[in-house]
Amino acid sequence: MTDYRAEFDAEVTFLNGGGLQAQGFRLDIRGPDVSEPELAAAFVRQLGLLMTDQVRLSAVRILKEPHKGLRGRPEPATTGGRGRMVELSHVVTAGMVTYPGLPGPEIIQHLTREESRAHYAPGTEFEIGRISIVGNTGTCLDSPYHRYPDGADLAGLALDALADLPAVVVRVTGSGSRGIGAGALAALDVTGCAVLLHTGWDRFFGTPTYSDPAPYLTAEGASWLVDHGARLVGIDSINIDDPVEGGERPAHSTLLAAGIPVVEHLSGLEQLPPTGARFTAVPPPIAGFTSFPVRAFAVVPQ
């Protein structure tokens, strides 16, 4: 399904005096046949404007572009069934590099099929694999214990903080700023939600460019998410913090201190609507362990 957005200039006058102008404003629309009155009404509703008199639009263009979400937008209704499942994880392969400096996984056989034949009836064979892996490999989840010695480890995380969460996708692709601050989040209702930061950086995964200065969540943005009740926060870049800024990790520190799990190295967020999907990223319940790869996915309503 193709998404459409409208771009336009707007001039608004108010019944109690004064006015407002906007240039190059973009707004999600249902389809390419939207009328100007409908577009004007949607503009007023999106900005929460009161006592408007005249709304004049000009330079209207209809663009094929992914939706970024509307203020107060309801979740799409379903037509039955569980919906479409969308993979959001990178495949883990032997030797892959996720974060420069961390070793890649070693995937070997503990028991080969040939060796297993001595233990079973003729014609019956099995393979048992062995994997050596650091927790921050591929698409992975950080528990509070990753940052704080008294925080919940992987085994201590509640399933309702990891599975079947309403997803809010924050689209910042094409942004001129690497930092994702409160201004990119302020119009969103994130209470109880998995907030997924869609930067588009996943397209560089597995290449040297992936470790270049990448998009990240600012300290201000992390505090805003905590204050507004986010349940989980994910990003499709190399780190939710800015590694360029030295050893400080304000986004990790703020989110994990509040008990909010962090998922990094997501992929495929362009396949999700701004709201309405349900997100899951569950690691194995390993006691005394901080981070681990997850099979992250979303269910998009029919």
C-alpha atoms as a PDB file:
ATOM      1  CA  MET A   1       0.000   0.000   0.000  1.00  0.00           C
ATOM      2  CA  THR A   2       1.357   3.414  -1.018  1.00  0.00           C
ATOM      3  CA  ASP A   3       1.380   6.236   1.534  1.00  0.00           C
ATOM      4  CA  TYR A   4       0.707   9.836   0.494  1.00  0.00           C
ATOM      5  CA  ARG A   5       1.544  13.176   2.095  1.00  0.00           C
ATOM      6  CA  ALA A   6       0.585  16.696   1.102  1.00  0.00           C
ATOM      7  CA  GLU A   7       3.003  19.625   1.043  1.00  0.00           C
ATOM      8  CA  PHE A   8       1.635  23.159   1.045  1.00  0.00           C
ATOM      9  CA  ASP A   9       1.957  26.739   2.237  1.00  0.00           C
ATOM     10  CA  ALA A  10      -0.752  27.973   4.613  1.00  0.00           C
ATOM     11  CA  GLU A  11      -2.043  31.297   5.885  1.00  0.00           C
ATOM     12  CA  VAL A  12      -4.424  31.283   8.868  1.00  0.00           C
ATOM     13  CA  THR A  13      -6.369  34.158  10.409  1.00  0.00           C
ATOM     14  CA  PHE A  14      -8.087  33.958  13.796  1.00  0.00           C
ATOM     15  CA  LEU A  15     -11.449  35.259  14.968  1.00  0.00           C
ATOM     16  CA  ASN A  16      -9.818  37.015  17.913  1.00  0.00           C
ATOM     17  CA  GLY A  17      -7.145  38.636  15.762  1.00  0.00           C
ATOM     18  CA  GLY A  18      -3.681  37.684  14.604  1.00  0.00           C
ATOM     19  CA  GLY A  19      -2.554  35.096  12.137  1.00  0.00           C
ATOM     20  CA  LEU A  20      -0.148  32.284  11.342  1.00  0.00           C
ATOM     21  CA  GLN A  21       1.845  31.327   8.285  1.00  0.00           C
ATOM     22  CA  ALA A  22       3.523  28.069   7.304  1.00  0.00           C
ATOM     23  CA  GLN A  23       5.760  27.242   4.358  1.00  0.00           C
ATOM     24  CA  GLY A  24       6.395  23.785   2.992  1.00  0.00           C
ATOM     25  CA  PHE A  25       4.252  22.091   5.656  1.00  0.00           C
ATOM     26  CA  ARG A  26       3.796  18.341   5.156  1.00  0.00           C
ATOM     27  CA  LEU A  27       0.882  16.271   6.392  1.00  0.00           C
ATOM     28  CA  ASP A  28      -0.171  12.628   6.118  1.00  0.00           C
ATOM     29  CA  ILE A  29      -3.253  12.102   3.914  1.00  0.00           C
ATOM     30  CA  ARG A  30      -5.397   9.081   3.069  1.00  0.00           C
ATOM     31  CA  GLY A  31      -4.882   9.267  -0.679  1.00  0.00           C
ATOM     32  CA  PRO A  32      -4.002  11.491  -3.648  1.00  0.00           C
ATOM     33  CA  ASP A  33      -7.564  12.767  -4.141  1.00  0.00           C
ATOM     34  CA  VAL A  34      -7.795  14.839  -0.958  1.00  0.00           C
ATOM     35  CA  SER A  35      -9.610  18.151  -1.395  1.00  0.00           C
ATOM     36  CA  GLU A  36      -8.258  21.505  -0.229  1.00  0.00           C
ATOM     37  CA  PRO A  37     -11.045  21.962   2.373  1.00  0.00           C
ATOM     38  CA  GLU A  38     -10.233  18.530   3.793  1.00  0.00           C
ATOM     39  CA  LEU A  39      -6.548  19.401   3.815  1.00  0.00           C
ATOM     40  CA  ALA A  40      -7.189  22.738   5.538  1.00  0.00           C
ATOM     41  CA  ALA A  41      -9.292  21.026   8.219  1.00  0.00           C
ATOM     42  CA  ALA A  42      -6.590  18.403   8.774  1.00  0.00           C
ATOM     43  CA  PHE A  43      -3.959  21.145   9.111  1.00  0.00           C
ATOM     44  CA  VAL A  44      -5.995  22.957  11.772  1.00  0.00           C
ATOM     45  CA  ARG A  45      -6.653  19.696  13.619  1.00  0.00           C
ATOM     46  CA  GLN A  46      -2.991  18.646  13.495  1.00  0.00           C
ATOM     47  CA  LEU A  47      -1.814  21.930  15.047  1.00  0.00           C
ATOM     48  CA  GLY A  48      -4.671  22.032  17.553  1.00  0.00           C
ATOM     49  CA  LEU A  49      -5.668  25.546  16.434  1.00  0.00           C
ATOM     50  CA  LEU A  50      -8.712  27.199  18.031  1.00  0.00           C
ATOM     51  CA  MET A  51     -10.945  30.064  16.852  1.00  0.00           C
ATOM     52  CA  THR A  52      -9.692  29.944  13.266  1.00  0.00           C
ATOM     53  CA  ASP A  53     -11.372  32.235  10.736  1.00  0.00           C
ATOM     54  CA  GLN A  54      -9.855  31.725   7.284  1.00  0.00           C
ATOM     55  CA  VAL A  55      -7.395  29.013   6.209  1.00  0.00           C
ATOM     56  CA  ARG A  56      -5.877  29.594   2.784  1.00  0.00           C
ATOM     57  CA  LEU A  57      -3.617  27.015   1.157  1.00  0.00           C
ATOM     58  CA  SER A  58      -1.278  27.471  -1.783  1.00  0.00           C
ATOM     59  CA  ALA A  59       1.485  25.583  -3.611  1.00  0.00           C
ATOM     60  CA  VAL A  60      -0.207  22.266  -2.791  1.00  0.00           C
ATOM     61  CA  ARG A  61       1.718  19.179  -3.867  1.00  0.00           C
ATOM     62  CA  ILE A  62       0.785  15.521  -3.337  1.00  0.00           C
ATOM     63  CA  LEU A  63       3.802  13.290  -2.617  1.00  0.00           C
ATOM     64  CA  LYS A  64       4.280   9.536  -2.468  1.00  0.00           C
ATOM     65  CA  GLU A  65       6.025   9.389   0.899  1.00  0.00           C
ATOM     66  CA  PRO A  66       5.770   7.224   4.036  1.00  0.00           C
ATOM     67  CA  HIS A  67       3.441   8.534   6.707  1.00  0.00           C
ATOM     68  CA  LYS A  68       5.054  10.151   9.733  1.00  0.00           C
ATOM     69  CA  GLY A  69       1.958  10.130  11.945  1.00  0.00           C
ATOM     70  CA  LEU A  70      -0.816  12.502  12.890  1.00  0.00           C
ATOM     71  CA  ARG A  71      -1.613  14.104  16.228  1.00  0.00           C
ATOM     72  CA  GLY A  72      -4.263  12.070  18.016  1.00  0.00           C
ATOM     73  CA  ARG A  73      -4.417   9.591  15.166  1.00  0.00           C
ATOM     74  CA  PRO A  74      -6.459   6.530  16.202  1.00  0.00           C
ATOM     75  CA  GLU A  75      -5.089   3.061  15.763  1.00  0.00           C
ATOM     76  CA  PRO A  76      -6.274   1.467  12.501  1.00  0.00           C
ATOM     77  CA  ALA A  77      -9.188  -0.903  12.885  1.00  0.00           C
ATOM     78  CA  THR A  78      -8.650  -4.554  12.047  1.00  0.00           C
ATOM     79  CA  THR A  79     -10.828  -6.667   9.802  1.00  0.00           C
ATOM     80  CA  GLY A  80     -10.134  -9.912  11.638  1.00  0.00           C
ATOM     81  CA  GLY A  81      -7.184 -12.233  11.842  1.00  0.00           C
ATOM     82  CA  ARG A  82      -3.910 -11.594  13.578  1.00  0.00           C
ATOM     83  CA  GLY A  83      -2.569  -9.204  10.938  1.00  0.00           C
ATOM     84  CA  ARG A  84       0.610  -9.150   8.885  1.00  0.00           C
ATOM     85  CA  MET A  85       3.837 -10.087  10.674  1.00  0.00           C
ATOM     86  CA  VAL A  86       6.889  -7.932   9.888  1.00  0.00           C
ATOM     87  CA  GLU A  87      10.472  -9.006  10.593  1.00  0.00           C
ATOM     88  CA  LEU A  88      12.504  -6.261  12.277  1.00  0.00           C
ATOM     89  CA  SER A  89      15.735  -8.163  13.083  1.00  0.00           C
ATOM     90  CA  HIS A  90      19.078  -8.607  11.377  1.00  0.00           C
ATOM     91  CA  VAL A  91      20.072 -12.213  10.701  1.00  0.00           C
ATOM     92  CA  VAL A  92      22.903 -13.439  12.956  1.00  0.00           C
ATOM     93  CA  THR A  93      25.725 -15.126  11.032  1.00  0.00           C
ATOM     94  CA  ALA A  94      29.114 -16.482  12.069  1.00  0.00           C
ATOM     95  CA  GLY A  95      31.743 -13.736  12.348  1.00  0.00           C
ATOM     96  CA  MET A  96      29.378 -10.849  11.658  1.00  0.00           C
ATOM     97  CA  VAL A  97      30.357  -7.411  12.989  1.00  0.00           C
ATOM     98  CA  THR A  98      27.625  -5.557  14.876  1.00  0.00           C
ATOM     99  CA  TYR A  99      29.623  -3.012  16.845  1.00  0.00           C
ATOM    100  CA  PRO A 100      33.286  -2.391  15.944  1.00  0.00           C
ATOM    101  CA  GLY A 101      35.608  -3.861  18.563  1.00  0.00           C
ATOM    102  CA  LEU A 102      33.191  -6.549  19.738  1.00  0.00           C
ATOM    103  CA  PRO A 103      33.878 -10.109  18.545  1.00  0.00           C
ATOM    104  CA  GLY A 104      31.561 -11.710  16.049  1.00  0.00           C
ATOM    105  CA  PRO A 105      29.659 -14.880  16.929  1.00  0.00           C
ATOM    106  CA  GLU A 106      31.318 -18.287  16.632  1.00  0.00           C
ATOM    107  CA  ILE A 107      28.829 -20.878  15.406  1.00  0.00           C
ATOM    108  CA  ILE A 108      30.083 -24.469  15.455  1.00  0.00           C
ATOM    109  CA  GLN A 109      28.792 -28.022  15.818  1.00  0.00           C
ATOM    110  CA  HIS A 110      28.885 -29.646  19.240  1.00  0.00           C
ATOM    111  CA  LEU A 111      27.540 -32.903  17.780  1.00  0.00           C
ATOM    112  CA  THR A 112      27.443 -33.558  14.025  1.00  0.00           C
ATOM    113  CA  ARG A 113      24.761 -35.615  12.336  1.00  0.00           C
ATOM    114  CA  GLU A 114      27.355 -38.222  11.466  1.00  0.00           C
ATOM    115  CA  GLU A 115      28.542 -38.479  15.077  1.00  0.00           C
ATOM    116  CA  SER A 116      24.974 -38.708  16.366  1.00  0.00           C
ATOM    117  CA  ARG A 117      24.275 -41.920  14.440  1.00  0.00           C
ATOM    118  CA  ALA A 118      26.161 -43.898  17.075  1.00  0.00           C
ATOM    119  CA  HIS A 119      23.605 -42.830  19.704  1.00  0.00           C
ATOM    120  CA  TYR A 120      20.336 -43.502  17.866  1.00  0.00           C
ATOM    121  CA  ALA A 121      18.536 -46.147  15.860  1.00  0.00           C
ATOM    122  CA  PRO A 122      19.491 -46.631  12.209  1.00  0.00           C
ATOM    123  CA  GLY A 123      18.193 -43.778  10.063  1.00  0.00           C
ATOM    124  CA  THR A 124      17.842 -41.407  13.040  1.00  0.00           C
ATOM    125  CA  GLU A 125      20.276 -38.519  13.418  1.00  0.00           C
ATOM    126  CA  PHE A 126      20.458 -35.065  14.991  1.00  0.00           C
ATOM    127  CA  GLU A 127      22.752 -32.054  15.073  1.00  0.00           C
ATOM    128  CA  ILE A 128      23.504 -30.047  18.211  1.00  0.00           C
ATOM    129  CA  GLY A 129      25.082 -26.646  17.690  1.00  0.00           C
ATOM    130  CA  ARG A 130      27.207 -24.473  19.923  1.00  0.00           C
ATOM    131  CA  ILE A 131      27.410 -20.685  19.735  1.00  0.00           C
ATOM    132  CA  SER A 132      29.781 -18.256  21.443  1.00  0.00           C
ATOM    133  CA  ILE A 133      28.349 -14.765  21.304  1.00  0.00           C
ATOM    134  CA  VAL A 134      28.547 -11.412  23.083  1.00  0.00           C
ATOM    135  CA  GLY A 135      25.229 -10.058  24.267  1.00  0.00           C
ATOM    136  CA  ASN A 136      25.297  -7.019  21.979  1.00  0.00           C
ATOM    137  CA  THR A 137      25.139  -8.925  18.699  1.00  0.00           C
ATOM    138  CA  GLY A 138      22.689  -8.208  15.894  1.00  0.00           C
ATOM    139  CA  THR A 139      19.327  -6.825  16.907  1.00  0.00           C
ATOM    140  CA  CYS A 140      19.665  -6.909  20.686  1.00  0.00           C
ATOM    141  CA  LEU A 141      17.970  -5.773  23.872  1.00  0.00           C
ATOM    142  CA  ASP A 142      19.625  -4.057  26.838  1.00  0.00           C
ATOM    143  CA  SER A 143      18.176  -4.696  30.285  1.00  0.00           C
ATOM    144  CA  PRO A 144      18.625  -2.191  33.148  1.00  0.00           C
ATOM    145  CA  TYR A 145      21.356  -4.515  34.507  1.00  0.00           C
ATOM    146  CA  HIS A 146      23.432  -3.582  31.438  1.00  0.00           C
ATOM    147  CA  ARG A 147      23.956  -0.151  33.036  1.00  0.00           C
ATOM    148  CA  TYR A 148      23.144  -0.599  36.717  1.00  0.00           C
ATOM    149  CA  PRO A 149      24.279  -3.438  39.039  1.00  0.00           C
ATOM    150  CA  ASP A 150      20.961  -3.348  40.908  1.00  0.00           C
ATOM    151  CA  GLY A 151      18.806  -3.181  37.767  1.00  0.00           C
ATOM    152  CA  ALA A 152      16.686  -6.018  36.388  1.00  0.00           C
ATOM    153  CA  ASP A 153      18.640  -8.569  34.359  1.00  0.00           C
ATOM    154  CA  LEU A 154      17.266 -10.458  31.352  1.00  0.00           C
ATOM    155  CA  ALA A 155      15.489 -12.943  33.619  1.00  0.00           C
ATOM    156  CA  GLY A 156      13.974 -10.113  35.654  1.00  0.00           C
ATOM    157  CA  LEU A 157      12.244  -8.307  32.785  1.00  0.00           C
ATOM    158  CA  ALA A 158       8.459  -8.499  32.757  1.00  0.00           C
ATOM    159  CA  LEU A 159       6.960  -9.965  29.604  1.00  0.00           C
ATOM    160  CA  ASP A 160       4.465  -7.115  29.402  1.00  0.00           C
ATOM    161  CA  ALA A 161       7.426  -4.759  28.889  1.00  0.00           C
ATOM    162  CA  LEU A 162       8.641  -6.777  25.892  1.00  0.00           C
ATOM    163  CA  ALA A 163       5.728  -8.385  24.058  1.00  0.00           C
ATOM    164  CA  ASP A 164       2.640  -7.206  22.183  1.00  0.00           C
ATOM    165  CA  LEU A 165       3.256  -3.533  22.910  1.00  0.00           C
ATOM    166  CA  PRO A 166       1.449  -0.818  20.924  1.00  0.00           C
ATOM    167  CA  ALA A 167       4.105   0.667  18.647  1.00  0.00           C
ATOM    168  CA  VAL A 168       4.696   4.337  17.905  1.00  0.00           C
ATOM    169  CA  VAL A 169       7.112   4.818  15.004  1.00  0.00           C
ATOM    170  CA  VAL A 170       9.014   8.116  15.038  1.00  0.00           C
ATOM    171  CA  ARG A 171      10.133   8.841  11.484  1.00  0.00           C
ATOM    172  CA  VAL A 172      13.246  11.013  11.345  1.00  0.00           C
ATOM    173  CA  THR A 173      14.619   9.777   8.022  1.00  0.00           C
ATOM    174  CA  GLY A 174      16.063  12.636   6.014  1.00  0.00           C
ATOM    175  CA  SER A 175      16.524  14.807   9.104  1.00  0.00           C
ATOM    176  CA  GLY A 176      19.325  17.358   8.987  1.00  0.00           C
ATOM    177  CA  SER A 177      20.186  16.595  12.605  1.00  0.00           C
ATOM    178  CA  ARG A 178      21.676  13.415  14.046  1.00  0.00           C
ATOM    179  CA  GLY A 179      20.201  14.005  17.487  1.00  0.00           C
ATOM    180  CA  ILE A 180      16.559  13.030  18.083  1.00  0.00           C
ATOM    181  CA  GLY A 181      15.269  15.412  20.715  1.00  0.00           C
ATOM    182  CA  ALA A 182      12.013  16.207  22.454  1.00  0.00           C
ATOM    183  CA  GLY A 183      10.871  18.297  19.492  1.00  0.00           C
ATOM    184  CA  ALA A 184      10.615  15.167  17.323  1.00  0.00           C
ATOM    185  CA  LEU A 185       8.501  13.469  19.998  1.00  0.00           C
ATOM    186  CA  ALA A 186       6.320  16.188  21.488  1.00  0.00           C
ATOM    187  CA  ALA A 187       3.216  15.572  19.350  1.00  0.00           C
ATOM    188  CA  LEU A 188       3.133  11.834  20.121  1.00  0.00           C
ATOM    189  CA  ASP A 189       1.176   9.841  22.689  1.00  0.00           C
ATOM    190  CA  VAL A 190       3.750   7.281  23.866  1.00  0.00           C
ATOM    191  CA  THR A 191       2.310   6.174  27.215  1.00  0.00           C
ATOM    192  CA  GLY A 192       2.638   2.398  27.532  1.00  0.00           C
ATOM    193  CA  CYS A 193       4.110   2.106  24.033  1.00  0.00           C
ATOM    194  CA  ALA A 194       7.184   0.764  22.311  1.00  0.00           C
ATOM    195  CA  VAL A 195       8.703   3.888  20.764  1.00  0.00           C
ATOM    196  CA  LEU A 196      10.656   2.919  17.639  1.00  0.00           C
ATOM    197  CA  LEU A 197      13.033   5.525  16.204  1.00  0.00           C
ATOM    198  CA  HIS A 198      13.114   5.091  12.428  1.00  0.00           C
ATOM    199  CA  THR A 199      16.307   6.734  11.156  1.00  0.00           C
ATOM    200  CA  GLY A 200      16.922   4.547   8.090  1.00  0.00           C
ATOM    201  CA  TRP A 201      20.484   3.863   9.286  1.00  0.00           C
ATOM    202  CA  ASP A 202      19.874   0.098   9.122  1.00  0.00           C
ATOM    203  CA  ARG A 203      20.613   0.268   5.403  1.00  0.00           C
ATOM    204  CA  PHE A 204      24.303   0.522   6.329  1.00  0.00           C
ATOM    205  CA  PHE A 205      24.350  -2.479   8.688  1.00  0.00           C
ATOM    206  CA  GLY A 206      27.332  -4.725   7.991  1.00  0.00           C
ATOM    207  CA  THR A 207      29.272  -1.974   6.196  1.00  0.00           C
ATOM    208  CA  PRO A 208      31.955   0.449   7.471  1.00  0.00           C
ATOM    209  CA  THR A 209      29.463   3.314   7.134  1.00  0.00           C
ATOM    210  CA  TYR A 210      27.316   1.835   9.918  1.00  0.00           C
ATOM    211  CA  SER A 211      29.889   2.945  12.504  1.00  0.00           C
ATOM    212  CA  ASP A 212      30.135   6.483  11.092  1.00  0.00           C
ATOM    213  CA  PRO A 213      28.462   9.237  13.156  1.00  0.00           C
ATOM    214  CA  ALA A 214      24.898   7.936  13.232  1.00  0.00           C
ATOM    215  CA  PRO A 215      21.485   9.154  14.443  1.00  0.00           C
ATOM    216  CA  TYR A 216      20.874   8.851  18.178  1.00  0.00           C
ATOM    217  CA  LEU A 217      18.480   9.820  20.973  1.00  0.00           C
ATOM    218  CA  THR A 218      19.497  12.934  22.911  1.00  0.00           C
ATOM    219  CA  ALA A 219      19.486  13.220  26.695  1.00  0.00           C
ATOM    220  CA  GLU A 220      16.531  15.592  26.407  1.00  0.00           C
ATOM    221  CA  GLY A 221      14.660  13.126  24.190  1.00  0.00           C
ATOM    222  CA  ALA A 222      15.299  10.243  26.606  1.00  0.00           C
ATOM    223  CA  SER A 223      14.017  12.296  29.548  1.00  0.00           C
ATOM    224  CA  TRP A 224      10.888  13.237  27.589  1.00  0.00           C
ATOM    225  CA  LEU A 225      10.162   9.556  26.879  1.00  0.00           C
ATOM    226  CA  VAL A 226      10.563   8.650  30.547  1.00  0.00           C
ATOM    227  CA  ASP A 227       8.340  11.536  31.644  1.00  0.00           C
ATOM    228  CA  HIS A 228       5.635  10.528  29.164  1.00  0.00           C
ATOM    229  CA  GLY A 229       5.512   6.847  30.067  1.00  0.00           C
ATOM    230  CA  ALA A 230       7.237   5.009  27.211  1.00  0.00           C
ATOM    231  CA  ARG A 231       7.442   1.252  27.922  1.00  0.00           C
ATOM    232  CA  LEU A 232      10.318   0.318  25.567  1.00  0.00           C
ATOM    233  CA  VAL A 233      12.520   2.331  23.191  1.00  0.00           C
ATOM    234  CA  GLY A 234      14.181   1.001  20.031  1.00  0.00           C
ATOM    235  CA  ILE A 235      16.332   2.429  17.256  1.00  0.00           C
ATOM    236  CA  ASP A 236      17.590   1.179  13.885  1.00  0.00           C
ATOM    237  CA  SER A 237      21.123   2.588  14.211  1.00  0.00           C
ATOM    238  CA  ILE A 238      24.363   1.476  15.853  1.00  0.00           C
ATOM    239  CA  ASN A 239      23.661   2.963  19.286  1.00  0.00           C
ATOM    240  CA  ILE A 240      20.822   4.778  21.005  1.00  0.00           C
ATOM    241  CA  ASP A 241      23.501   7.130  22.363  1.00  0.00           C
ATOM    242  CA  ASP A 242      26.090   9.141  20.466  1.00  0.00           C
ATOM    243  CA  PRO A 243      29.435   7.288  20.746  1.00  0.00           C
ATOM    244  CA  VAL A 244      31.161  10.342  19.258  1.00  0.00           C
ATOM    245  CA  GLU A 245      30.504  12.234  22.494  1.00  0.00           C
ATOM    246  CA  GLY A 246      33.013  10.211  24.512  1.00  0.00           C
ATOM    247  CA  GLY A 247      32.102   7.894  27.348  1.00  0.00           C
ATOM    248  CA  GLU A 248      28.819   9.457  28.427  1.00  0.00           C
ATOM    249  CA  ARG A 249      25.677   7.493  27.590  1.00  0.00           C
ATOM    250  CA  PRO A 250      22.775   9.707  28.723  1.00  0.00           C
ATOM    251  CA  ALA A 251      20.045   7.904  26.755  1.00  0.00           C
ATOM    252  CA  HIS A 252      21.024   4.477  28.108  1.00  0.00           C
ATOM    253  CA  SER A 253      21.445   5.897  31.604  1.00  0.00           C
ATOM    254  CA  THR A 254      18.086   7.685  31.656  1.00  0.00           C
ATOM    255  CA  LEU A 255      15.980   4.956  30.050  1.00  0.00           C
ATOM    256  CA  LEU A 256      17.490   1.998  31.901  1.00  0.00           C
ATOM    257  CA  ALA A 257      17.327   3.832  35.242  1.00  0.00           C
ATOM    258  CA  ALA A 258      13.571   4.094  34.644  1.00  0.00           C
ATOM    259  CA  GLY A 259      13.336   0.366  33.870  1.00  0.00           C
ATOM    260  CA  ILE A 260      12.737   0.952  30.153  1.00  0.00           C
ATOM    261  CA  PRO A 261      14.426  -1.714  27.982  1.00  0.00           C
ATOM    262  CA  VAL A 262      16.413  -0.526  24.959  1.00  0.00           C
ATOM    263  CA  VAL A 263      16.484  -2.344  21.601  1.00  0.00           C
ATOM    264  CA  GLU A 264      19.264  -1.417  19.163  1.00  0.00           C
ATOM    265  CA  HIS A 265      20.065  -2.422  15.566  1.00  0.00           C
ATOM    266  CA  LEU A 266      16.458  -2.743  14.459  1.00  0.00           C
ATOM    267  CA  SER A 267      15.706  -3.124  10.768  1.00  0.00           C
ATOM    268  CA  GLY A 268      12.760  -2.621   8.440  1.00  0.00           C
ATOM    269  CA  LEU A 269      10.867   0.043  10.389  1.00  0.00           C
ATOM    270  CA  GLU A 270       9.775   1.619   7.095  1.00  0.00           C
ATOM    271  CA  GLN A 271       7.302  -1.286   6.816  1.00  0.00           C
ATOM    272  CA  LEU A 272       5.327  -0.154   9.869  1.00  0.00           C
ATOM    273  CA  PRO A 273       2.601   2.503  10.092  1.00  0.00           C
ATOM    274  CA  PRO A 274       3.191   5.408  12.503  1.00  0.00           C
ATOM    275  CA  THR A 275       0.708   3.843  14.944  1.00  0.00           C
ATOM    276  CA  GLY A 276      -1.403   0.704  15.095  1.00  0.00           C
ATOM    277  CA  ALA A 277       1.215  -2.075  14.967  1.00  0.00           C
ATOM    278  CA  ARG A 278       2.078  -4.302  17.942  1.00  0.00           C
ATOM    279  CA  PHE A 279       5.771  -4.816  18.754  1.00  0.00           C
ATOM    280  CA  THR A 280       7.587  -7.751  20.366  1.00  0.00           C
ATOM    281  CA  ALA A 281      11.284  -8.225  21.232  1.00  0.00           C
ATOM    282  CA  VAL A 282      11.854 -10.944  23.829  1.00  0.00           C
ATOM    283  CA  PRO A 283      15.298 -12.232  24.901  1.00  0.00           C
ATOM    284  CA  PRO A 284      15.824 -15.538  26.740  1.00  0.00           C
ATOM    285  CA  PRO A 285      15.487 -15.204  30.539  1.00  0.00           C
ATOM    286  CA  ILE A 286      19.185 -15.541  31.439  1.00  0.00           C
ATOM    287  CA  ALA A 287      19.958 -14.755  35.076  1.00  0.00           C
ATOM    288  CA  GLY A 288      22.879 -12.411  35.687  1.00  0.00           C
ATOM    289  CA  PHE A 289      23.113 -11.394  32.018  1.00  0.00           C
ATOM    290  CA  THR A 290      22.687  -7.884  30.678  1.00  0.00           C
ATOM    291  CA  SER A 291      21.957  -7.919  26.928  1.00  0.00           C
ATOM    292  CA  PHE A 292      21.089 -10.491  24.279  1.00  0.00           C
ATOM    293  CA  PRO A 293      19.963 -10.800  20.652  1.00  0.00           C
ATOM    294  CA  VAL A 294      16.191 -10.805  20.110  1.00  0.00           C
ATOM    295  CA  ARG A 295      13.823 -11.767  17.341  1.00  0.00           C
ATOM    296  CA  ALA A 296      12.086  -8.407  17.021  1.00  0.00           C
ATOM    297  CA  PHE A 297       8.904  -8.277  15.003  1.00  0.00           C
ATOM    298  CA  ALA A 298       5.655  -6.401  14.672  1.00  0.00           C
ATOM    299  CA  VAL A 299       2.107  -7.339  13.802  1.00  0.00           C
ATOM    300  CA  VAL A 300       0.404  -4.837  11.499  1.00  0.00           C
ATOM    301  CA  PRO A 301      -3.418  -4.884  11.463  1.00  0.00           C
ATOM    302  CA  GLN A 302      -5.223  -6.128   8.374  1.00  0.00           C
END
